[in-house]
N, C-alpha and C. Protein backbone atom coordinates (compact mmCIF):
# COMPACT_ATOMS: atom_id res chain seq x y z
N UNK A 1 91.52 112.71 0.52
CA UNK A 1 92.39 112.90 -0.65
C UNK A 1 91.88 112.03 -1.78
N UNK A 2 91.72 112.59 -2.96
CA UNK A 2 91.15 111.86 -4.08
C UNK A 2 92.12 110.82 -4.62
N UNK A 3 91.56 109.78 -5.23
CA UNK A 3 92.38 108.73 -5.81
C UNK A 3 93.25 109.27 -6.93
N UNK A 4 92.68 110.13 -7.79
CA UNK A 4 93.46 110.70 -8.89
C UNK A 4 94.62 111.52 -8.35
N UNK A 5 94.36 112.35 -7.36
CA UNK A 5 95.42 113.16 -6.77
C UNK A 5 96.54 112.26 -6.25
N UNK A 6 96.17 111.22 -5.53
CA UNK A 6 97.19 110.32 -4.96
C UNK A 6 98.01 109.65 -6.06
N UNK A 7 97.31 109.17 -7.09
CA UNK A 7 98.01 108.46 -8.17
C UNK A 7 98.99 109.36 -8.90
N UNK A 8 98.54 110.58 -9.23
CA UNK A 8 99.41 111.49 -9.98
C UNK A 8 100.55 111.98 -9.10
N UNK A 9 100.24 112.26 -7.83
CA UNK A 9 101.29 112.72 -6.91
C UNK A 9 102.37 111.65 -6.74
N UNK A 10 101.95 110.39 -6.66
CA UNK A 10 102.93 109.31 -6.50
C UNK A 10 103.78 109.16 -7.75
N UNK A 11 103.13 109.24 -8.92
CA UNK A 11 103.87 109.14 -10.19
C UNK A 11 104.89 110.28 -10.29
N UNK A 12 104.45 111.49 -9.92
CA UNK A 12 105.35 112.65 -10.03
C UNK A 12 106.53 112.52 -9.07
N UNK A 13 106.26 112.10 -7.84
CA UNK A 13 107.32 111.93 -6.85
C UNK A 13 108.31 110.86 -7.31
N UNK A 14 107.78 109.72 -7.75
CA UNK A 14 108.66 108.63 -8.19
C UNK A 14 109.47 109.04 -9.42
N UNK A 15 108.82 109.74 -10.35
CA UNK A 15 109.49 110.12 -11.59
C UNK A 15 110.62 111.09 -11.35
N UNK A 16 110.41 112.05 -10.45
CA UNK A 16 111.45 113.06 -10.21
C UNK A 16 112.56 112.54 -9.29
N UNK A 17 112.37 111.35 -8.75
CA UNK A 17 113.43 110.74 -7.95
C UNK A 17 114.41 109.97 -8.83
N UNK A 18 114.06 109.81 -10.10
CA UNK A 18 114.89 109.05 -11.04
C UNK A 18 115.55 109.99 -12.05
N UNK A 19 116.41 109.42 -12.86
CA UNK A 19 117.00 110.19 -13.95
C UNK A 19 115.90 110.65 -14.89
N UNK A 20 115.94 111.90 -15.35
CA UNK A 20 114.87 112.37 -16.25
C UNK A 20 114.89 111.61 -17.57
N UNK A 21 113.70 111.38 -18.13
CA UNK A 21 113.64 110.73 -19.44
C UNK A 21 114.12 111.71 -20.51
N UNK A 22 114.31 111.21 -21.71
CA UNK A 22 114.64 112.08 -22.83
C UNK A 22 113.51 113.08 -23.02
N UNK A 23 113.84 114.38 -22.99
CA UNK A 23 112.81 115.40 -23.09
C UNK A 23 112.98 116.21 -24.36
N UNK A 24 111.85 116.68 -24.87
CA UNK A 24 111.90 117.57 -26.02
C UNK A 24 112.34 118.95 -25.59
N UNK A 25 113.03 119.64 -26.47
CA UNK A 25 113.38 121.04 -26.24
C UNK A 25 113.12 121.80 -27.53
N UNK A 26 113.03 123.10 -27.42
CA UNK A 26 112.75 123.93 -28.58
C UNK A 26 114.03 124.05 -29.41
N UNK A 27 114.04 123.53 -30.63
CA UNK A 27 115.27 123.56 -31.44
C UNK A 27 115.72 124.97 -31.78
N UNK A 28 114.82 125.94 -31.67
CA UNK A 28 115.19 127.32 -31.98
C UNK A 28 116.15 127.90 -30.95
N UNK A 29 116.28 127.24 -29.79
CA UNK A 29 117.16 127.74 -28.73
C UNK A 29 118.61 127.32 -28.92
N UNK A 30 118.87 126.40 -29.82
CA UNK A 30 120.22 125.87 -30.00
C UNK A 30 121.19 127.00 -30.32
N UNK A 31 122.19 127.15 -29.46
CA UNK A 31 123.20 128.19 -29.65
C UNK A 31 122.73 129.59 -29.33
N UNK A 32 121.54 129.71 -28.74
CA UNK A 32 120.99 131.03 -28.45
C UNK A 32 121.37 131.48 -27.04
N UNK A 33 121.61 132.79 -26.88
CA UNK A 33 121.85 133.35 -25.54
C UNK A 33 120.67 134.24 -25.14
N UNK A 34 119.50 133.90 -25.65
CA UNK A 34 118.29 134.66 -25.38
C UNK A 34 117.98 134.66 -23.88
N UNK A 35 117.67 135.83 -23.33
CA UNK A 35 117.26 135.92 -21.93
C UNK A 35 115.79 135.53 -21.83
N UNK A 36 115.51 134.51 -21.02
CA UNK A 36 114.17 133.94 -20.96
C UNK A 36 113.35 134.54 -19.82
N UNK A 37 112.07 134.77 -20.10
CA UNK A 37 111.14 135.31 -19.12
C UNK A 37 110.36 134.16 -18.49
N UNK A 38 110.22 134.15 -17.15
CA UNK A 38 109.52 133.04 -16.50
C UNK A 38 108.01 133.08 -16.76
N UNK A 39 107.44 131.91 -17.01
CA UNK A 39 106.00 131.77 -17.25
C UNK A 39 105.56 130.44 -16.65
N UNK A 40 104.25 130.27 -16.53
CA UNK A 40 103.68 129.03 -15.99
C UNK A 40 102.43 128.65 -16.76
N UNK A 41 102.14 127.34 -16.79
CA UNK A 41 100.86 126.85 -17.30
C UNK A 41 100.29 125.88 -16.28
N UNK A 42 98.96 125.76 -16.28
CA UNK A 42 98.31 124.79 -15.40
C UNK A 42 97.85 123.60 -16.23
N UNK A 43 98.29 122.42 -15.83
CA UNK A 43 97.78 121.18 -16.41
C UNK A 43 96.66 120.73 -15.47
N UNK A 44 95.43 121.12 -15.82
CA UNK A 44 94.26 120.88 -14.96
C UNK A 44 93.63 119.54 -15.31
N UNK A 45 93.80 118.57 -14.44
CA UNK A 45 93.22 117.24 -14.61
C UNK A 45 91.86 117.19 -13.92
N UNK A 46 90.84 116.74 -14.63
CA UNK A 46 89.51 116.65 -14.03
C UNK A 46 89.37 115.34 -13.27
N UNK A 47 88.73 115.42 -12.12
CA UNK A 47 88.57 114.28 -11.22
C UNK A 47 87.47 113.34 -11.76
N UNK A 48 87.87 112.46 -12.65
CA UNK A 48 86.94 111.49 -13.24
C UNK A 48 87.62 110.12 -13.28
N UNK A 49 86.80 109.08 -13.54
CA UNK A 49 87.38 107.76 -13.76
C UNK A 49 88.35 107.81 -14.94
N UNK A 50 87.95 108.55 -15.97
CA UNK A 50 88.83 108.82 -17.11
C UNK A 50 89.09 110.32 -17.15
N UNK A 51 90.12 110.78 -16.44
CA UNK A 51 90.35 112.23 -16.31
C UNK A 51 90.66 112.90 -17.64
N UNK A 52 90.30 114.18 -17.72
CA UNK A 52 90.62 114.98 -18.89
C UNK A 52 91.60 116.08 -18.52
N UNK A 53 92.08 116.78 -19.54
CA UNK A 53 92.96 117.93 -19.36
C UNK A 53 92.30 119.11 -20.04
N UNK A 54 92.15 120.23 -19.32
CA UNK A 54 91.52 121.41 -19.89
C UNK A 54 92.50 122.17 -20.77
N UNK A 55 92.03 122.54 -21.96
CA UNK A 55 92.82 123.34 -22.89
C UNK A 55 91.94 124.38 -23.54
N UNK A 56 92.56 125.32 -24.22
CA UNK A 56 91.79 126.42 -24.81
C UNK A 56 92.38 126.82 -26.16
N UNK A 57 91.52 127.44 -26.96
CA UNK A 57 91.94 128.05 -28.22
C UNK A 57 92.13 129.54 -27.97
N UNK A 58 93.25 130.07 -28.40
CA UNK A 58 93.46 131.52 -28.34
C UNK A 58 92.65 132.20 -29.45
N UNK A 59 92.10 133.38 -29.20
CA UNK A 59 91.38 134.10 -30.27
C UNK A 59 92.31 134.42 -31.43
N UNK A 60 91.77 134.42 -32.63
CA UNK A 60 92.56 134.71 -33.82
C UNK A 60 93.03 136.16 -33.85
N UNK A 61 92.45 136.99 -32.99
CA UNK A 61 92.82 138.41 -32.95
C UNK A 61 93.99 138.70 -32.03
N UNK A 62 94.43 137.71 -31.27
CA UNK A 62 95.52 137.95 -30.32
C UNK A 62 96.83 138.18 -31.06
N UNK A 63 97.67 139.04 -30.47
CA UNK A 63 98.96 139.34 -31.09
C UNK A 63 99.91 138.15 -30.99
N UNK A 64 99.89 137.48 -29.85
CA UNK A 64 100.79 136.34 -29.65
C UNK A 64 100.02 135.03 -29.81
N UNK A 65 100.53 134.14 -30.64
CA UNK A 65 99.99 132.79 -30.84
C UNK A 65 98.50 132.79 -31.18
N UNK A 66 98.06 133.60 -32.14
CA UNK A 66 96.63 133.66 -32.47
C UNK A 66 96.10 132.33 -32.97
N UNK A 67 94.94 131.94 -32.45
CA UNK A 67 94.27 130.74 -32.91
C UNK A 67 94.85 129.42 -32.41
N UNK A 68 95.95 129.46 -31.71
CA UNK A 68 96.59 128.22 -31.29
C UNK A 68 95.92 127.64 -30.04
N UNK A 69 96.12 126.35 -29.85
CA UNK A 69 95.64 125.68 -28.64
C UNK A 69 96.72 125.81 -27.57
N UNK A 70 96.25 126.09 -26.35
CA UNK A 70 97.19 126.31 -25.24
C UNK A 70 96.64 125.72 -23.96
N UNK A 71 97.50 125.54 -23.01
CA UNK A 71 97.12 125.28 -21.63
C UNK A 71 96.92 126.64 -20.97
N UNK A 72 96.00 126.76 -20.01
CA UNK A 72 95.86 128.06 -19.34
C UNK A 72 97.17 128.46 -18.68
N UNK A 73 97.58 129.68 -18.93
CA UNK A 73 98.85 130.12 -18.35
C UNK A 73 99.36 131.37 -19.01
N UNK A 74 100.52 131.82 -18.55
CA UNK A 74 101.12 133.02 -19.10
C UNK A 74 102.33 133.44 -18.29
N UNK A 75 102.77 134.63 -18.56
CA UNK A 75 103.98 135.17 -17.93
C UNK A 75 103.75 135.42 -16.43
N UNK A 76 104.76 135.14 -15.64
CA UNK A 76 104.66 135.39 -14.20
C UNK A 76 104.76 136.88 -13.90
N UNK A 77 104.03 137.29 -12.89
CA UNK A 77 104.11 138.66 -12.43
C UNK A 77 105.19 138.76 -11.35
N UNK A 78 105.64 139.96 -11.10
CA UNK A 78 106.72 140.19 -10.13
C UNK A 78 106.34 139.60 -8.77
N UNK A 79 107.23 138.78 -8.22
CA UNK A 79 107.02 138.21 -6.89
C UNK A 79 106.26 136.90 -6.88
N UNK A 80 105.73 136.47 -8.03
CA UNK A 80 104.99 135.21 -8.07
C UNK A 80 105.92 134.02 -8.23
N UNK A 81 105.52 132.90 -7.63
CA UNK A 81 106.21 131.66 -7.96
C UNK A 81 105.44 130.94 -9.07
N UNK A 82 105.95 129.79 -9.50
CA UNK A 82 105.34 129.10 -10.64
C UNK A 82 103.89 128.71 -10.38
N UNK A 83 103.62 128.19 -9.19
CA UNK A 83 102.26 127.75 -8.87
C UNK A 83 101.30 128.92 -8.80
N UNK A 84 101.70 129.99 -8.14
CA UNK A 84 100.83 131.16 -8.03
C UNK A 84 100.46 131.71 -9.40
N UNK A 85 101.43 131.76 -10.28
CA UNK A 85 101.17 132.28 -11.64
C UNK A 85 100.21 131.37 -12.40
N UNK A 86 100.42 130.06 -12.31
CA UNK A 86 99.55 129.12 -13.03
C UNK A 86 98.11 129.22 -12.53
N UNK A 87 97.93 129.32 -11.23
CA UNK A 87 96.58 129.41 -10.67
C UNK A 87 95.92 130.74 -11.03
N UNK A 88 96.68 131.82 -10.99
CA UNK A 88 96.12 133.13 -11.34
C UNK A 88 95.68 133.13 -12.81
N UNK A 89 96.53 132.63 -13.68
CA UNK A 89 96.20 132.62 -15.10
C UNK A 89 94.98 131.74 -15.39
N UNK A 90 94.89 130.59 -14.73
CA UNK A 90 93.74 129.71 -14.94
C UNK A 90 92.44 130.38 -14.49
N UNK A 91 92.53 131.16 -13.42
CA UNK A 91 91.34 131.88 -12.95
C UNK A 91 90.99 133.02 -13.90
N UNK A 92 92.00 133.73 -14.39
CA UNK A 92 91.75 134.84 -15.31
C UNK A 92 91.21 134.36 -16.65
N UNK A 93 91.72 133.24 -17.14
CA UNK A 93 91.36 132.78 -18.49
C UNK A 93 90.12 131.90 -18.52
N UNK A 94 89.98 131.01 -17.54
CA UNK A 94 88.87 130.06 -17.55
C UNK A 94 87.94 130.19 -16.35
N UNK A 95 88.22 131.12 -15.47
CA UNK A 95 87.36 131.33 -14.31
C UNK A 95 87.46 130.22 -13.27
N UNK A 96 88.57 129.50 -13.23
CA UNK A 96 88.75 128.41 -12.26
C UNK A 96 89.22 129.00 -10.94
N UNK A 97 88.41 128.92 -9.87
CA UNK A 97 88.84 129.46 -8.58
C UNK A 97 90.07 128.71 -8.06
N UNK A 98 91.05 129.45 -7.60
CA UNK A 98 92.30 128.83 -7.15
C UNK A 98 92.08 127.84 -6.02
N UNK A 99 91.09 128.12 -5.17
CA UNK A 99 90.88 127.24 -4.02
C UNK A 99 90.22 125.91 -4.40
N UNK A 100 89.81 125.76 -5.66
CA UNK A 100 89.25 124.48 -6.11
C UNK A 100 90.28 123.62 -6.83
N UNK A 101 91.51 124.13 -6.93
CA UNK A 101 92.59 123.37 -7.57
C UNK A 101 93.45 122.71 -6.50
N UNK A 102 93.55 121.40 -6.56
CA UNK A 102 94.45 120.68 -5.64
C UNK A 102 95.77 120.51 -6.37
N UNK A 103 96.75 121.29 -5.97
CA UNK A 103 98.03 121.32 -6.67
C UNK A 103 98.84 120.07 -6.35
N UNK A 104 99.21 119.35 -7.40
CA UNK A 104 100.06 118.17 -7.25
C UNK A 104 101.52 118.60 -7.19
N UNK A 105 101.92 119.47 -8.11
CA UNK A 105 103.29 119.96 -8.11
C UNK A 105 103.74 120.37 -9.50
N UNK A 106 104.93 120.91 -9.57
CA UNK A 106 105.50 121.37 -10.83
C UNK A 106 106.31 120.24 -11.47
N UNK A 107 106.44 120.32 -12.78
CA UNK A 107 107.23 119.33 -13.49
C UNK A 107 108.20 120.03 -14.45
N UNK A 108 108.71 119.32 -15.44
CA UNK A 108 109.85 119.79 -16.22
C UNK A 108 109.62 121.12 -16.94
N UNK A 109 110.52 122.04 -16.72
CA UNK A 109 110.49 123.35 -17.38
C UNK A 109 110.70 123.17 -18.88
N UNK A 110 109.99 123.97 -19.67
CA UNK A 110 110.17 123.97 -21.12
C UNK A 110 110.57 125.37 -21.56
N UNK A 111 111.69 125.46 -22.26
CA UNK A 111 112.22 126.76 -22.71
C UNK A 111 111.90 126.94 -24.19
N UNK A 112 111.40 128.11 -24.53
CA UNK A 112 110.93 128.33 -25.89
C UNK A 112 111.81 129.31 -26.66
N UNK A 113 111.79 129.15 -27.97
CA UNK A 113 112.53 130.06 -28.83
C UNK A 113 111.93 131.43 -28.88
N UNK A 114 110.68 131.57 -28.37
CA UNK A 114 110.05 132.90 -28.32
C UNK A 114 110.41 133.65 -27.05
N UNK A 115 111.26 133.04 -26.20
CA UNK A 115 111.81 133.78 -25.08
C UNK A 115 111.19 133.51 -23.72
N UNK A 116 110.58 132.34 -23.54
CA UNK A 116 109.95 132.02 -22.26
C UNK A 116 110.50 130.74 -21.65
N UNK A 117 110.54 130.71 -20.34
CA UNK A 117 110.89 129.52 -19.57
C UNK A 117 109.62 129.12 -18.82
N UNK A 118 108.95 128.08 -19.33
CA UNK A 118 107.61 127.73 -18.87
C UNK A 118 107.65 126.57 -17.88
N UNK A 119 107.06 126.78 -16.70
CA UNK A 119 106.94 125.71 -15.71
C UNK A 119 105.52 125.17 -15.73
N UNK A 120 105.33 123.91 -16.11
CA UNK A 120 104.00 123.31 -16.02
C UNK A 120 103.69 122.92 -14.57
N UNK A 121 102.52 123.28 -14.10
CA UNK A 121 102.06 122.95 -12.76
C UNK A 121 100.85 122.03 -12.90
N UNK A 122 100.91 120.87 -12.27
CA UNK A 122 99.81 119.89 -12.36
C UNK A 122 98.85 120.12 -11.20
N UNK A 123 97.55 120.13 -11.52
CA UNK A 123 96.53 120.28 -10.48
C UNK A 123 95.32 119.43 -10.81
N UNK A 124 94.56 119.06 -9.78
CA UNK A 124 93.33 118.27 -9.95
C UNK A 124 92.15 119.17 -9.62
N UNK A 125 91.14 119.17 -10.49
CA UNK A 125 89.97 120.02 -10.29
C UNK A 125 88.70 119.16 -10.28
N UNK A 126 87.62 119.66 -9.65
CA UNK A 126 86.37 118.90 -9.64
C UNK A 126 85.83 118.71 -11.06
N UNK A 127 85.14 117.58 -11.32
CA UNK A 127 84.66 117.32 -12.68
C UNK A 127 83.53 118.25 -13.11
N UNK A 128 82.80 118.78 -12.13
CA UNK A 128 81.63 119.61 -12.44
C UNK A 128 81.92 121.11 -12.27
N UNK A 129 83.18 121.47 -12.27
CA UNK A 129 83.55 122.87 -12.07
C UNK A 129 82.98 123.73 -13.21
N UNK A 130 82.50 124.91 -12.85
CA UNK A 130 81.96 125.82 -13.86
C UNK A 130 83.11 126.55 -14.56
N UNK A 131 83.15 126.46 -15.87
CA UNK A 131 84.17 127.15 -16.65
C UNK A 131 83.58 128.43 -17.20
N UNK A 132 84.23 129.55 -16.91
CA UNK A 132 83.77 130.86 -17.37
C UNK A 132 84.90 131.52 -18.16
N UNK A 133 85.00 131.22 -19.47
CA UNK A 133 86.13 131.71 -20.25
C UNK A 133 86.12 133.21 -20.43
N UNK A 134 87.31 133.78 -20.42
CA UNK A 134 87.51 135.20 -20.68
C UNK A 134 87.60 135.38 -22.20
N UNK A 135 86.59 136.04 -22.77
CA UNK A 135 86.51 136.15 -24.23
C UNK A 135 87.70 136.87 -24.85
N UNK A 136 88.38 137.70 -24.07
CA UNK A 136 89.54 138.42 -24.60
C UNK A 136 90.73 137.50 -24.81
N UNK A 137 90.75 136.37 -24.09
CA UNK A 137 91.90 135.47 -24.16
C UNK A 137 91.56 134.06 -24.62
N UNK A 138 90.25 133.75 -24.65
CA UNK A 138 89.83 132.38 -24.97
C UNK A 138 88.68 132.43 -25.97
N UNK A 139 88.85 131.79 -27.13
CA UNK A 139 87.74 131.73 -28.08
C UNK A 139 86.92 130.45 -27.89
N UNK A 140 87.55 129.43 -27.31
CA UNK A 140 86.90 128.14 -27.10
C UNK A 140 87.72 127.36 -26.10
N UNK A 141 87.07 126.54 -25.29
CA UNK A 141 87.81 125.65 -24.39
C UNK A 141 87.28 124.23 -24.58
N UNK A 142 88.07 123.25 -24.20
CA UNK A 142 87.65 121.86 -24.31
C UNK A 142 88.41 121.01 -23.31
N UNK A 143 87.88 119.83 -23.08
CA UNK A 143 88.52 118.87 -22.17
C UNK A 143 88.86 117.63 -22.97
N UNK A 144 90.14 117.38 -23.14
CA UNK A 144 90.60 116.22 -23.90
C UNK A 144 91.00 115.11 -22.93
N UNK A 145 90.68 113.86 -23.24
CA UNK A 145 91.04 112.75 -22.33
C UNK A 145 92.55 112.67 -22.12
N UNK A 146 92.95 112.60 -20.87
CA UNK A 146 94.38 112.47 -20.56
C UNK A 146 94.95 111.20 -21.18
N UNK A 147 94.14 110.13 -21.17
CA UNK A 147 94.62 108.87 -21.75
C UNK A 147 94.96 109.01 -23.23
N UNK A 148 94.30 109.93 -23.92
CA UNK A 148 94.57 110.13 -25.34
C UNK A 148 95.78 111.04 -25.55
N UNK A 149 95.75 112.23 -24.93
CA UNK A 149 96.82 113.20 -25.22
C UNK A 149 98.15 112.81 -24.60
N UNK A 150 98.13 111.98 -23.56
CA UNK A 150 99.38 111.55 -22.93
C UNK A 150 99.84 110.18 -23.42
N UNK A 151 99.25 109.72 -24.51
CA UNK A 151 99.67 108.46 -25.12
C UNK A 151 100.66 108.78 -26.24
N UNK A 152 101.91 108.34 -26.11
CA UNK A 152 102.90 108.64 -27.15
C UNK A 152 102.46 108.20 -28.55
N UNK A 153 101.58 107.20 -28.63
CA UNK A 153 101.10 106.73 -29.93
C UNK A 153 100.29 107.80 -30.65
N UNK A 154 99.76 108.75 -29.90
CA UNK A 154 98.95 109.83 -30.49
C UNK A 154 99.73 111.13 -30.66
N UNK A 155 101.02 111.08 -30.39
CA UNK A 155 101.87 112.28 -30.48
C UNK A 155 102.79 112.14 -31.69
N UNK A 156 102.33 112.68 -32.80
CA UNK A 156 103.09 112.57 -34.05
C UNK A 156 104.10 113.71 -34.16
N UNK A 157 105.19 113.42 -34.84
CA UNK A 157 106.20 114.45 -35.12
C UNK A 157 106.06 114.89 -36.57
N UNK A 158 105.97 116.21 -36.78
CA UNK A 158 105.97 116.74 -38.15
C UNK A 158 107.00 117.86 -38.23
N UNK A 159 107.37 118.20 -39.45
CA UNK A 159 108.36 119.25 -39.66
C UNK A 159 107.68 120.57 -39.97
N UNK A 160 108.11 121.61 -39.26
CA UNK A 160 107.59 122.96 -39.47
C UNK A 160 108.69 123.79 -40.10
N UNK A 161 108.38 124.48 -41.18
CA UNK A 161 109.38 125.32 -41.83
C UNK A 161 109.19 126.76 -41.39
N UNK A 162 110.29 127.38 -40.94
CA UNK A 162 110.24 128.76 -40.50
C UNK A 162 111.57 129.42 -40.82
N UNK A 163 111.51 130.54 -41.50
CA UNK A 163 112.72 131.29 -41.89
C UNK A 163 113.72 130.41 -42.63
N UNK A 164 113.18 129.57 -43.51
CA UNK A 164 114.05 128.73 -44.33
C UNK A 164 114.61 127.52 -43.63
N UNK A 165 114.23 127.29 -42.37
CA UNK A 165 114.72 126.13 -41.63
C UNK A 165 113.55 125.25 -41.23
N UNK A 166 113.81 123.96 -41.11
CA UNK A 166 112.78 123.03 -40.69
C UNK A 166 113.01 122.60 -39.24
N UNK A 167 111.91 122.57 -38.47
CA UNK A 167 111.97 122.19 -37.06
C UNK A 167 110.95 121.08 -36.79
N UNK A 168 111.35 120.07 -36.01
CA UNK A 168 110.37 119.04 -35.64
C UNK A 168 109.43 119.57 -34.55
N UNK A 169 108.14 119.32 -34.69
CA UNK A 169 107.17 119.70 -33.66
C UNK A 169 106.25 118.51 -33.41
N UNK A 170 105.76 118.43 -32.17
CA UNK A 170 104.79 117.40 -31.79
C UNK A 170 103.39 117.87 -32.16
N UNK A 171 102.59 116.97 -32.70
CA UNK A 171 101.21 117.29 -33.07
C UNK A 171 100.29 116.19 -32.54
N UNK A 172 99.25 116.61 -31.81
CA UNK A 172 98.25 115.69 -31.26
C UNK A 172 96.89 116.15 -31.78
N UNK A 173 96.20 115.28 -32.49
CA UNK A 173 94.90 115.63 -33.06
C UNK A 173 93.81 114.89 -32.31
N UNK A 174 93.04 115.62 -31.49
CA UNK A 174 91.92 115.02 -30.78
C UNK A 174 90.62 115.65 -31.27
N UNK A 175 89.84 114.89 -31.99
CA UNK A 175 88.53 115.32 -32.49
C UNK A 175 88.62 116.67 -33.22
N UNK A 176 89.64 116.83 -34.02
CA UNK A 176 89.79 118.06 -34.79
C UNK A 176 90.50 119.18 -34.06
N UNK A 177 90.77 119.01 -32.78
CA UNK A 177 91.57 119.99 -32.04
C UNK A 177 93.04 119.60 -32.23
N UNK A 178 93.76 120.39 -33.01
CA UNK A 178 95.16 120.06 -33.31
C UNK A 178 96.07 120.78 -32.32
N UNK A 179 96.64 120.00 -31.43
CA UNK A 179 97.51 120.51 -30.35
C UNK A 179 98.95 120.34 -30.83
N UNK A 180 99.71 121.42 -30.88
CA UNK A 180 101.06 121.32 -31.42
C UNK A 180 101.95 122.38 -30.77
N UNK A 181 103.17 122.48 -31.27
CA UNK A 181 104.10 123.51 -30.79
C UNK A 181 104.46 123.32 -29.32
N UNK A 182 104.48 124.41 -28.58
CA UNK A 182 104.88 124.39 -27.17
C UNK A 182 103.96 123.49 -26.36
N UNK A 183 102.64 123.60 -26.58
CA UNK A 183 101.69 122.78 -25.82
C UNK A 183 101.89 121.30 -26.11
N UNK A 184 102.08 120.97 -27.38
CA UNK A 184 102.34 119.58 -27.74
C UNK A 184 103.62 119.05 -27.08
N UNK A 185 104.66 119.87 -27.06
CA UNK A 185 105.93 119.46 -26.47
C UNK A 185 105.80 119.27 -24.95
N UNK A 186 105.09 120.17 -24.28
CA UNK A 186 104.89 120.05 -22.83
C UNK A 186 104.14 118.77 -22.51
N UNK A 187 103.09 118.46 -23.28
CA UNK A 187 102.32 117.24 -23.03
C UNK A 187 103.15 116.00 -23.34
N UNK A 188 103.97 116.06 -24.37
CA UNK A 188 104.84 114.92 -24.69
C UNK A 188 105.85 114.68 -23.57
N UNK A 189 106.45 115.76 -23.06
CA UNK A 189 107.39 115.62 -21.95
C UNK A 189 106.70 115.09 -20.70
N UNK A 190 105.45 115.54 -20.47
CA UNK A 190 104.70 115.08 -19.30
C UNK A 190 104.40 113.58 -19.42
N UNK A 191 104.01 113.14 -20.62
CA UNK A 191 103.72 111.73 -20.83
C UNK A 191 104.95 110.87 -20.52
N UNK A 192 106.11 111.35 -20.95
CA UNK A 192 107.35 110.60 -20.70
C UNK A 192 107.69 110.62 -19.21
N UNK A 193 107.52 111.78 -18.59
CA UNK A 193 107.88 111.92 -17.18
C UNK A 193 106.98 111.06 -16.28
N UNK A 194 105.67 111.10 -16.51
CA UNK A 194 104.74 110.35 -15.66
C UNK A 194 104.57 108.90 -16.10
N UNK A 195 105.05 108.58 -17.32
CA UNK A 195 104.87 107.22 -17.83
C UNK A 195 103.40 106.83 -17.68
N UNK A 196 102.53 107.69 -18.20
CA UNK A 196 101.10 107.69 -17.91
C UNK A 196 100.43 106.34 -18.18
N UNK A 197 100.84 105.64 -19.22
CA UNK A 197 100.15 104.40 -19.61
C UNK A 197 100.79 103.15 -19.02
N UNK A 198 101.74 103.32 -18.11
CA UNK A 198 102.35 102.17 -17.45
C UNK A 198 101.53 101.86 -16.19
N UNK A 199 100.76 100.79 -16.23
CA UNK A 199 99.88 100.45 -15.10
C UNK A 199 100.65 100.03 -13.86
N UNK A 200 101.94 99.69 -14.03
CA UNK A 200 102.72 99.25 -12.87
C UNK A 200 103.39 100.42 -12.16
N UNK A 201 103.34 101.62 -12.78
CA UNK A 201 104.03 102.76 -12.17
C UNK A 201 103.28 103.28 -10.97
């Protein structure tokens, strides 16, 4: 069992045994009775001394969330659980074989104003894994250091105006890759849940 797997698994177990930290939620859901569709994303941590998290840019031609940065994932298919969906989507989008992902577990669900209930699934992957992006769903992929994106100091809040209303969103800028919206919120919640930079945890 890898050291990274053990460390993250212990943090996740300890964190979910306690009261949940203050979590971000999508302000567009306030007062909404929207029926939410289940979805999953994979938080793929690379097995390194300084692990990274794999993310991707959606093509600008996509109907949903064009050009945005995302974690590999999508809507669950009939009969799938959260982990199965996350692994399938990661294989479809980035070519990551499911059998090379060591699943740590699921963490806090994030509900979106666009109608999804997203379960993030944490997994550890080999550092030298071959990434084969699906051009129909991925225009670019990158690996951002977990220490950077899970540091609250790098998670800025900005206001987004939509339909005459302003909403706070998390924004993380790593080397020109601007991670925001749902992905930013999921990473912010994960940082709080795992208390990533607490060496005593």
